[in-house]
N, C-alpha and C. Protein backbone atom coordinates (compact mmCIF):
# COMPACT_ATOMS: atom_id res chain seq x y z
N UNK A 1 42.62 109.07 136.03
CA UNK A 1 41.99 107.77 136.37
C UNK A 1 40.45 108.06 136.40
N UNK A 2 39.64 107.20 135.80
CA UNK A 2 38.24 107.44 135.65
C UNK A 2 37.54 106.86 136.95
N UNK A 3 36.67 107.65 137.52
CA UNK A 3 35.91 107.13 138.69
C UNK A 3 34.87 106.13 138.30
N UNK A 4 34.57 105.14 139.11
CA UNK A 4 33.64 104.10 138.78
C UNK A 4 32.23 104.71 138.76
N UNK A 5 31.42 104.24 137.81
CA UNK A 5 30.04 104.63 137.72
C UNK A 5 29.27 103.41 138.33
N UNK A 6 28.48 103.76 139.39
CA UNK A 6 27.71 102.81 140.08
C UNK A 6 26.27 102.69 139.47
N UNK A 7 25.90 101.41 139.25
CA UNK A 7 24.55 101.14 138.71
C UNK A 7 23.58 100.88 139.95
N UNK A 8 22.49 101.57 139.99
CA UNK A 8 21.55 101.55 141.06
C UNK A 8 20.12 101.27 140.51
N UNK A 9 19.45 100.38 141.08
CA UNK A 9 18.07 99.94 140.66
C UNK A 9 17.20 100.24 141.88
N UNK A 10 16.08 100.99 141.45
CA UNK A 10 14.97 101.40 142.47
C UNK A 10 13.81 100.51 142.09
N UNK A 11 13.33 99.75 143.14
CA UNK A 11 12.22 98.71 142.99
C UNK A 11 11.00 99.27 143.67
N UNK A 12 9.83 99.07 143.02
CA UNK A 12 8.63 99.25 143.62
C UNK A 12 7.64 98.25 142.88
N UNK A 13 6.56 97.94 143.43
CA UNK A 13 5.70 96.95 142.86
C UNK A 13 5.25 97.37 141.47
N UNK A 14 4.62 98.45 141.32
CA UNK A 14 4.10 98.89 140.03
C UNK A 14 5.05 99.55 139.07
N UNK A 15 6.15 100.08 139.56
CA UNK A 15 7.09 100.81 138.83
C UNK A 15 6.37 101.93 137.94
N UNK A 16 5.60 102.72 138.60
CA UNK A 16 4.87 103.74 137.94
C UNK A 16 5.06 105.15 138.57
N UNK A 17 5.62 105.11 139.76
CA UNK A 17 5.61 106.52 140.43
C UNK A 17 7.01 106.59 141.19
N UNK A 18 7.04 106.08 142.53
CA UNK A 18 8.27 106.24 143.40
C UNK A 18 9.51 105.74 142.78
N UNK A 19 9.61 104.70 142.23
CA UNK A 19 10.80 104.11 141.62
C UNK A 19 11.25 104.92 140.40
N UNK A 20 10.24 105.42 139.61
CA UNK A 20 10.55 106.34 138.54
C UNK A 20 11.08 107.61 138.95
N UNK A 21 10.44 108.20 139.98
CA UNK A 21 10.87 109.48 140.59
C UNK A 21 12.39 109.28 141.02
N UNK A 22 12.58 108.20 141.75
CA UNK A 22 13.92 107.95 142.27
C UNK A 22 14.94 107.87 141.08
N UNK A 23 14.58 107.15 140.03
CA UNK A 23 15.43 107.02 138.85
C UNK A 23 15.86 108.34 138.36
N UNK A 24 14.83 109.21 138.08
CA UNK A 24 15.06 110.59 137.54
C UNK A 24 15.98 111.38 138.47
N UNK A 25 15.63 111.38 139.85
CA UNK A 25 16.43 112.21 140.71
C UNK A 25 17.86 111.80 140.76
N UNK A 26 18.12 110.38 140.78
CA UNK A 26 19.54 110.07 140.91
C UNK A 26 20.32 110.30 139.65
N UNK A 27 19.62 110.11 138.48
CA UNK A 27 20.29 110.35 137.23
C UNK A 27 20.61 111.82 137.06
N UNK A 28 19.91 112.70 137.74
CA UNK A 28 20.18 114.13 137.70
C UNK A 28 21.26 114.43 138.82
N UNK A 29 21.03 114.10 139.97
CA UNK A 29 21.90 114.43 141.15
C UNK A 29 23.23 113.67 141.06
N UNK A 30 23.24 112.44 140.55
CA UNK A 30 24.45 111.71 140.52
C UNK A 30 25.06 111.60 139.13
N UNK A 31 24.70 112.40 138.30
CA UNK A 31 25.08 112.21 136.83
C UNK A 31 26.58 112.19 136.79
N UNK A 32 27.08 111.06 136.01
CA UNK A 32 28.50 110.84 135.97
C UNK A 32 29.02 109.79 136.95
N UNK A 33 28.47 109.84 138.16
CA UNK A 33 28.90 108.80 139.15
C UNK A 33 27.92 107.65 139.23
N UNK A 34 26.68 107.84 138.93
CA UNK A 34 25.67 106.97 139.10
C UNK A 34 24.81 106.76 137.83
N UNK A 35 24.36 105.56 137.55
CA UNK A 35 23.39 105.29 136.49
C UNK A 35 22.18 104.65 137.17
N UNK A 36 21.10 105.34 137.27
CA UNK A 36 19.85 104.79 137.84
C UNK A 36 18.96 104.01 136.92
N UNK A 37 18.27 103.15 137.32
CA UNK A 37 17.30 102.30 136.63
C UNK A 37 16.07 102.22 137.58
N UNK A 38 14.94 101.76 137.09
CA UNK A 38 13.82 101.48 138.02
C UNK A 38 13.08 100.23 137.39
N UNK A 39 12.37 99.51 138.31
CA UNK A 39 11.59 98.37 137.78
C UNK A 39 10.64 98.00 138.92
N UNK A 40 9.66 97.06 138.52
CA UNK A 40 8.70 96.62 139.50
C UNK A 40 8.51 95.08 139.48
N UNK A 41 7.91 94.57 140.55
CA UNK A 41 7.67 93.21 140.65
C UNK A 41 6.42 92.86 139.85
N UNK A 42 5.51 93.78 139.74
CA UNK A 42 4.30 93.67 138.98
C UNK A 42 4.04 95.02 138.28
N UNK A 43 4.85 95.37 137.28
CA UNK A 43 4.74 96.64 136.64
C UNK A 43 3.28 96.99 136.08
N UNK A 44 2.90 98.14 136.19
CA UNK A 44 1.61 98.59 135.66
C UNK A 44 1.62 98.69 134.19
N UNK A 45 2.79 98.86 133.60
CA UNK A 45 2.88 99.02 132.08
C UNK A 45 2.85 100.54 131.72
N UNK A 46 2.68 101.43 132.74
CA UNK A 46 2.61 102.87 132.30
C UNK A 46 3.14 103.63 133.51
N UNK A 47 3.76 104.74 133.19
CA UNK A 47 4.35 105.73 134.20
C UNK A 47 3.11 106.61 134.58
N UNK A 48 2.92 106.84 135.86
CA UNK A 48 1.84 107.58 136.35
C UNK A 48 2.02 109.09 135.77
N UNK A 49 0.98 109.70 135.24
CA UNK A 49 1.12 111.03 134.62
C UNK A 49 1.44 112.06 135.62
N UNK A 50 1.17 111.85 136.90
CA UNK A 50 1.55 112.81 137.89
C UNK A 50 2.99 112.96 138.18
N UNK A 51 3.77 112.10 137.71
CA UNK A 51 5.19 111.97 137.77
C UNK A 51 5.85 113.11 136.87
N UNK A 52 5.06 113.47 135.75
CA UNK A 52 5.57 114.34 134.75
C UNK A 52 6.30 115.61 135.21
N UNK A 53 5.57 116.43 136.09
CA UNK A 53 6.24 117.76 136.54
C UNK A 53 7.52 117.48 137.33
N UNK A 54 7.60 116.37 138.08
CA UNK A 54 8.75 116.02 138.81
C UNK A 54 9.93 115.77 137.95
N UNK A 55 9.70 114.88 136.94
CA UNK A 55 10.90 114.48 136.08
C UNK A 55 11.23 115.61 135.18
N UNK A 56 10.23 116.39 134.71
CA UNK A 56 10.55 117.49 133.78
C UNK A 56 11.32 118.56 134.50
N UNK A 57 11.15 118.75 135.75
CA UNK A 57 11.90 119.69 136.54
C UNK A 57 13.39 119.36 136.62
N UNK A 58 13.67 118.09 136.31
CA UNK A 58 15.03 117.57 136.29
C UNK A 58 15.54 117.27 134.90
N UNK A 59 14.87 117.84 133.90
CA UNK A 59 15.31 117.89 132.46
C UNK A 59 14.96 116.63 131.75
N UNK A 60 14.05 115.73 132.23
CA UNK A 60 13.73 114.58 131.45
C UNK A 60 12.20 114.77 131.01
N UNK A 61 11.89 113.91 130.03
CA UNK A 61 10.52 113.90 129.61
C UNK A 61 9.84 112.57 130.01
N UNK A 62 8.58 112.45 130.05
CA UNK A 62 7.89 111.25 130.43
C UNK A 62 8.27 110.16 129.51
N UNK A 63 8.60 110.37 128.27
CA UNK A 63 8.94 109.38 127.28
C UNK A 63 10.30 108.74 127.61
N UNK A 64 11.00 109.40 128.48
CA UNK A 64 12.40 108.80 128.90
C UNK A 64 12.18 107.65 129.84
N UNK A 65 11.05 107.33 130.31
CA UNK A 65 10.84 106.34 131.26
C UNK A 65 9.77 105.35 130.94
N UNK A 66 9.85 104.10 131.36
CA UNK A 66 8.79 103.20 131.13
C UNK A 66 8.71 102.25 132.30
N UNK A 67 7.47 101.72 132.52
CA UNK A 67 7.22 100.75 133.63
C UNK A 67 7.60 99.36 133.07
N UNK A 68 8.54 98.69 133.88
CA UNK A 68 9.10 97.47 133.39
C UNK A 68 9.31 96.50 134.58
N UNK A 69 9.40 95.23 134.16
CA UNK A 69 9.61 94.14 135.22
C UNK A 69 11.08 94.17 135.70
N UNK A 70 11.21 93.79 136.96
CA UNK A 70 12.51 93.57 137.60
C UNK A 70 13.18 92.47 136.92
N UNK A 71 12.51 91.58 136.19
CA UNK A 71 13.15 90.39 135.58
C UNK A 71 14.13 90.93 134.46
N UNK A 72 13.96 92.12 133.96
CA UNK A 72 14.89 92.62 132.95
C UNK A 72 16.29 92.78 133.44
N UNK A 73 16.41 92.94 134.86
CA UNK A 73 17.67 93.20 135.47
C UNK A 73 18.29 91.92 136.08
N UNK A 74 17.66 90.88 135.85
CA UNK A 74 18.20 89.56 136.46
C UNK A 74 18.76 88.70 135.24
N UNK A 75 18.87 89.24 134.10
CA UNK A 75 19.43 88.50 133.00
C UNK A 75 20.90 88.69 132.84
N UNK A 76 21.57 87.75 132.14
CA UNK A 76 23.06 87.85 132.02
C UNK A 76 23.49 89.13 131.29
N UNK A 77 22.62 89.68 130.39
CA UNK A 77 23.06 90.92 129.67
C UNK A 77 22.55 92.20 130.26
N UNK A 78 22.01 92.09 131.45
CA UNK A 78 21.55 93.33 132.22
C UNK A 78 22.77 94.04 132.75
N UNK A 79 22.61 95.35 133.08
CA UNK A 79 23.75 96.06 133.74
C UNK A 79 24.03 95.40 135.04
N UNK A 80 25.29 95.39 135.40
CA UNK A 80 25.71 94.78 136.75
C UNK A 80 25.28 95.84 137.80
N UNK A 81 24.49 95.42 138.77
CA UNK A 81 24.02 96.32 139.66
C UNK A 81 24.90 96.44 140.87
N UNK A 82 25.11 97.61 141.32
CA UNK A 82 25.89 97.72 142.69
C UNK A 82 24.99 98.01 143.85
N UNK A 83 23.86 98.65 143.61
CA UNK A 83 22.99 98.96 144.62
C UNK A 83 21.51 98.64 144.26
N UNK A 84 20.64 98.16 145.14
CA UNK A 84 19.24 98.06 144.97
C UNK A 84 18.51 98.60 146.08
N UNK A 85 17.58 99.50 145.83
CA UNK A 85 16.76 100.18 146.89
C UNK A 85 15.29 99.84 146.54
N UNK A 86 14.61 99.31 147.63
CA UNK A 86 13.09 99.19 147.49
C UNK A 86 12.52 100.54 148.08
N UNK A 87 11.59 101.10 147.29
CA UNK A 87 10.98 102.35 147.77
C UNK A 87 9.49 102.15 148.13
N UNK A 88 9.05 100.99 148.22
CA UNK A 88 7.71 100.64 148.71
C UNK A 88 7.72 99.46 149.55
N UNK A 89 6.86 99.39 150.47
CA UNK A 89 6.82 98.33 151.46
C UNK A 89 6.58 97.03 150.88
N UNK A 90 5.61 97.01 149.91
CA UNK A 90 5.29 95.72 149.22
C UNK A 90 6.57 95.03 148.56
N UNK A 91 7.32 95.87 147.79
CA UNK A 91 8.48 95.26 147.17
C UNK A 91 9.53 94.85 148.13
N UNK A 92 9.61 95.56 149.27
CA UNK A 92 10.63 95.08 150.29
C UNK A 92 10.30 93.74 150.81
N UNK A 93 9.08 93.33 150.83
CA UNK A 93 8.69 92.05 151.49
C UNK A 93 8.63 90.98 150.46
N UNK A 94 8.76 91.30 149.19
CA UNK A 94 8.65 90.21 148.15
C UNK A 94 9.89 89.48 147.90
N UNK A 95 9.82 88.28 147.37
CA UNK A 95 10.96 87.45 147.00
C UNK A 95 11.55 87.97 145.79
N UNK A 96 12.75 88.60 145.81
CA UNK A 96 13.37 89.20 144.64
C UNK A 96 14.06 88.14 143.81
N UNK A 97 14.39 88.44 142.53
CA UNK A 97 15.25 87.59 141.77
C UNK A 97 16.60 87.60 142.33
N UNK A 98 17.40 86.53 141.86
CA UNK A 98 18.89 86.57 142.35
C UNK A 98 19.53 87.52 141.53
N UNK A 99 20.15 88.58 142.10
CA UNK A 99 20.89 89.64 141.32
C UNK A 99 22.31 89.23 141.14
N UNK A 100 22.80 89.15 139.95
CA UNK A 100 24.18 88.86 139.76
C UNK A 100 25.16 89.93 140.38
N UNK A 101 26.23 89.47 140.96
CA UNK A 101 27.12 90.43 141.54
C UNK A 101 26.81 90.74 143.03
N UNK A 102 25.83 90.23 143.64
CA UNK A 102 25.54 90.65 144.97
C UNK A 102 25.43 92.05 145.40
N UNK A 103 24.56 92.80 144.74
CA UNK A 103 24.53 94.26 145.04
C UNK A 103 24.08 94.47 146.48
N UNK A 104 24.51 95.61 146.98
CA UNK A 104 24.07 96.12 148.32
C UNK A 104 22.71 96.56 148.21
N UNK A 105 21.80 96.17 149.20
CA UNK A 105 20.38 96.60 149.12
C UNK A 105 19.98 97.26 150.41
N UNK A 106 19.00 98.04 150.24
CA UNK A 106 18.39 98.73 151.45
C UNK A 106 16.94 99.03 151.10
N UNK A 107 16.12 99.25 152.17
CA UNK A 107 14.74 99.67 152.02
C UNK A 107 14.59 101.07 152.32
N UNK A 108 14.05 101.91 151.44
CA UNK A 108 13.80 103.32 151.56
C UNK A 108 12.32 103.61 151.29
N UNK A 109 11.49 102.92 152.05
CA UNK A 109 10.04 103.02 151.95
C UNK A 109 9.45 104.45 151.94
N UNK A 110 8.57 104.77 151.00
CA UNK A 110 7.91 106.07 151.00
C UNK A 110 6.48 105.76 150.69
N UNK A 111 5.48 106.57 151.34
CA UNK A 111 4.12 106.32 151.08
C UNK A 111 3.79 106.46 149.53
N UNK A 112 2.84 105.71 149.07
CA UNK A 112 2.53 105.65 147.62
C UNK A 112 1.69 106.89 147.30
N UNK A 113 2.25 107.83 146.50
CA UNK A 113 1.49 108.97 146.11
C UNK A 113 0.39 108.68 145.12
N UNK A 114 0.46 107.57 144.47
CA UNK A 114 -0.50 107.12 143.44
C UNK A 114 -1.70 106.62 144.17
N UNK A 115 -1.60 106.34 145.45
CA UNK A 115 -2.82 105.74 146.14
C UNK A 115 -3.63 106.94 146.79
N UNK A 116 -3.20 108.17 146.66
CA UNK A 116 -3.84 109.33 147.24
C UNK A 116 -5.05 109.66 146.37
N UNK A 117 -6.16 109.88 147.06
CA UNK A 117 -7.36 110.32 146.34
C UNK A 117 -7.65 111.74 146.87
N UNK A 118 -8.24 112.50 145.98
CA UNK A 118 -8.54 113.89 146.33
C UNK A 118 -8.45 114.81 145.22
N UNK A 119 -8.31 116.03 145.47
CA UNK A 119 -8.21 117.03 144.34
C UNK A 119 -6.97 116.87 143.69
N UNK A 120 -6.83 117.56 142.53
CA UNK A 120 -5.58 117.52 141.76
C UNK A 120 -4.40 118.14 142.59
N UNK A 121 -4.78 119.16 143.43
CA UNK A 121 -3.72 119.79 144.25
C UNK A 121 -3.31 118.86 145.35
N UNK A 122 -4.18 118.04 145.94
CA UNK A 122 -3.81 117.16 146.99
C UNK A 122 -2.97 116.00 146.34
N UNK A 123 -3.32 115.54 145.21
CA UNK A 123 -2.49 114.45 144.56
C UNK A 123 -1.11 115.04 144.22
N UNK A 124 -1.10 116.24 143.58
CA UNK A 124 0.27 116.81 143.31
C UNK A 124 1.07 116.98 144.54
N UNK A 125 0.47 117.39 145.69
CA UNK A 125 1.24 117.55 146.88
C UNK A 125 1.74 116.27 147.40
N UNK A 126 1.04 115.11 147.22
CA UNK A 126 1.46 113.81 147.64
C UNK A 126 2.73 113.29 146.76
N UNK A 127 2.64 113.73 145.50
CA UNK A 127 3.74 113.45 144.51
C UNK A 127 4.99 114.23 144.94
N UNK A 128 4.70 115.50 145.23
CA UNK A 128 5.85 116.38 145.58
C UNK A 128 6.56 116.00 146.92
N UNK A 129 5.67 115.59 147.86
CA UNK A 129 6.27 115.05 149.09
C UNK A 129 7.13 113.78 148.89
N UNK A 130 6.64 112.82 148.07
CA UNK A 130 7.41 111.64 147.89
C UNK A 130 8.65 112.03 147.16
N UNK A 131 8.63 112.97 146.23
CA UNK A 131 9.91 113.39 145.47
C UNK A 131 10.82 114.07 146.53
N UNK A 132 10.36 114.83 147.52
CA UNK A 132 11.15 115.52 148.43
C UNK A 132 11.82 114.52 149.28
N UNK A 133 11.11 113.46 149.84
CA UNK A 133 11.70 112.47 150.65
C UNK A 133 12.74 111.68 149.93
N UNK A 134 12.31 111.20 148.72
CA UNK A 134 13.35 110.46 147.95
C UNK A 134 14.57 111.24 147.59
N UNK A 135 14.36 112.56 147.21
CA UNK A 135 15.52 113.43 146.94
C UNK A 135 16.43 113.55 148.16
N UNK A 136 15.86 113.74 149.31
CA UNK A 136 16.72 113.93 150.49
C UNK A 136 17.62 112.70 150.67
N UNK A 137 16.93 111.53 150.53
CA UNK A 137 17.75 110.20 150.69
C UNK A 137 18.82 110.06 149.70
N UNK A 138 18.38 110.43 148.43
CA UNK A 138 19.37 110.25 147.32
C UNK A 138 20.54 111.21 147.51
N UNK A 139 20.28 112.44 147.92
CA UNK A 139 21.36 113.34 148.11
C UNK A 139 22.30 112.88 149.28
N UNK A 140 21.78 112.29 150.29
CA UNK A 140 22.73 111.66 151.33
C UNK A 140 23.40 110.62 150.83
N UNK A 141 22.84 109.76 149.95
CA UNK A 141 23.52 108.59 149.31
C UNK A 141 24.69 109.04 148.41
N UNK A 142 24.42 110.04 147.52
CA UNK A 142 25.42 110.37 146.59
C UNK A 142 26.67 111.12 147.24
N UNK A 143 26.43 111.58 148.48
CA UNK A 143 27.53 112.18 149.18
C UNK A 143 28.26 111.24 150.13
N UNK A 144 27.97 109.94 150.12
CA UNK A 144 28.71 109.05 150.84
C UNK A 144 30.08 108.77 150.22
N UNK A 145 31.12 108.57 150.94
CA UNK A 145 32.45 108.24 150.36
C UNK A 145 32.52 106.75 149.93
N UNK A 146 31.82 106.43 148.91
CA UNK A 146 31.60 104.96 148.53
C UNK A 146 32.94 104.29 148.28
N UNK A 147 33.99 104.92 147.80
CA UNK A 147 35.21 104.23 147.46
C UNK A 147 36.00 103.93 148.69
N UNK A 148 35.71 104.67 149.82
CA UNK A 148 36.54 104.41 151.06
C UNK A 148 35.83 103.88 152.16
N UNK A 149 34.69 103.31 151.97
CA UNK A 149 33.88 102.79 153.13
C UNK A 149 33.69 101.27 152.92
N UNK A 150 33.91 100.58 154.07
CA UNK A 150 33.74 99.09 153.92
C UNK A 150 32.26 98.67 153.81
N UNK A 151 32.01 97.46 153.33
CA UNK A 151 30.67 97.05 152.94
C UNK A 151 29.76 97.02 154.11
N UNK A 152 30.21 96.63 155.35
CA UNK A 152 29.27 96.62 156.50
C UNK A 152 28.84 97.93 156.99
N UNK A 153 29.86 98.86 156.95
CA UNK A 153 29.54 100.29 157.35
C UNK A 153 28.58 100.89 156.32
N UNK A 154 28.86 100.59 155.04
CA UNK A 154 28.06 101.13 153.96
C UNK A 154 26.60 100.66 154.12
N UNK A 155 26.41 99.38 154.32
CA UNK A 155 25.10 98.80 154.60
C UNK A 155 24.35 99.50 155.78
N UNK A 156 24.99 99.76 156.79
CA UNK A 156 24.38 100.37 157.96
C UNK A 156 24.07 101.78 157.57
N UNK A 157 24.83 102.60 156.84
CA UNK A 157 24.60 103.94 156.46
C UNK A 157 23.37 103.97 155.51
N UNK A 158 23.31 102.99 154.64
CA UNK A 158 22.16 102.94 153.68
C UNK A 158 20.91 102.63 154.43
N UNK A 159 20.94 101.81 155.49
CA UNK A 159 19.80 101.52 156.29
C UNK A 159 19.32 102.78 157.05
N UNK A 160 20.36 103.50 157.53
CA UNK A 160 19.99 104.77 158.29
C UNK A 160 19.36 105.76 157.32
N UNK A 161 19.87 105.87 156.10
CA UNK A 161 19.29 106.80 155.16
C UNK A 161 17.78 106.52 154.97
N UNK A 162 17.52 105.17 154.84
CA UNK A 162 16.13 104.81 154.66
C UNK A 162 15.17 105.13 155.74
N UNK A 163 15.82 105.36 156.96
CA UNK A 163 14.88 105.77 158.10
C UNK A 163 14.93 107.21 158.37
N UNK A 164 15.69 108.00 157.46
CA UNK A 164 15.79 109.36 157.65
C UNK A 164 14.53 110.08 157.20
């Protein structure tokens, strides 16, 4: 019997850093069980170049990702989403599209590394820290017994992960 593959959408306003990092981490860590996507409410149209070492460390190239609108995932031909995670505070407070299938959602806010100003080393450290925090949450998520947990308990666990 084939195990279900869960579709997960990570949302951020610009879809240039945190949501893209999350997409890469989950596609690596959850390969086979999860298919991750990312999008933004007001996409910048480009992936932040400081994301490159993070995604390359997971076997992806910058060309494997693009900054796109969350509207792409609210159409009838879009993948049916099982989970939606907001990874920035702005996206968490915005009015989202109506997602077909009523996916489970949670807020996993992380400071915006793209907003950090300073030396290249300081900026790289901010991106590495965001990736570390998101990676920790994603590892907790992929280890949940999704097939055997009720929706209310799952929602509570996802909220707790976001506060970890």
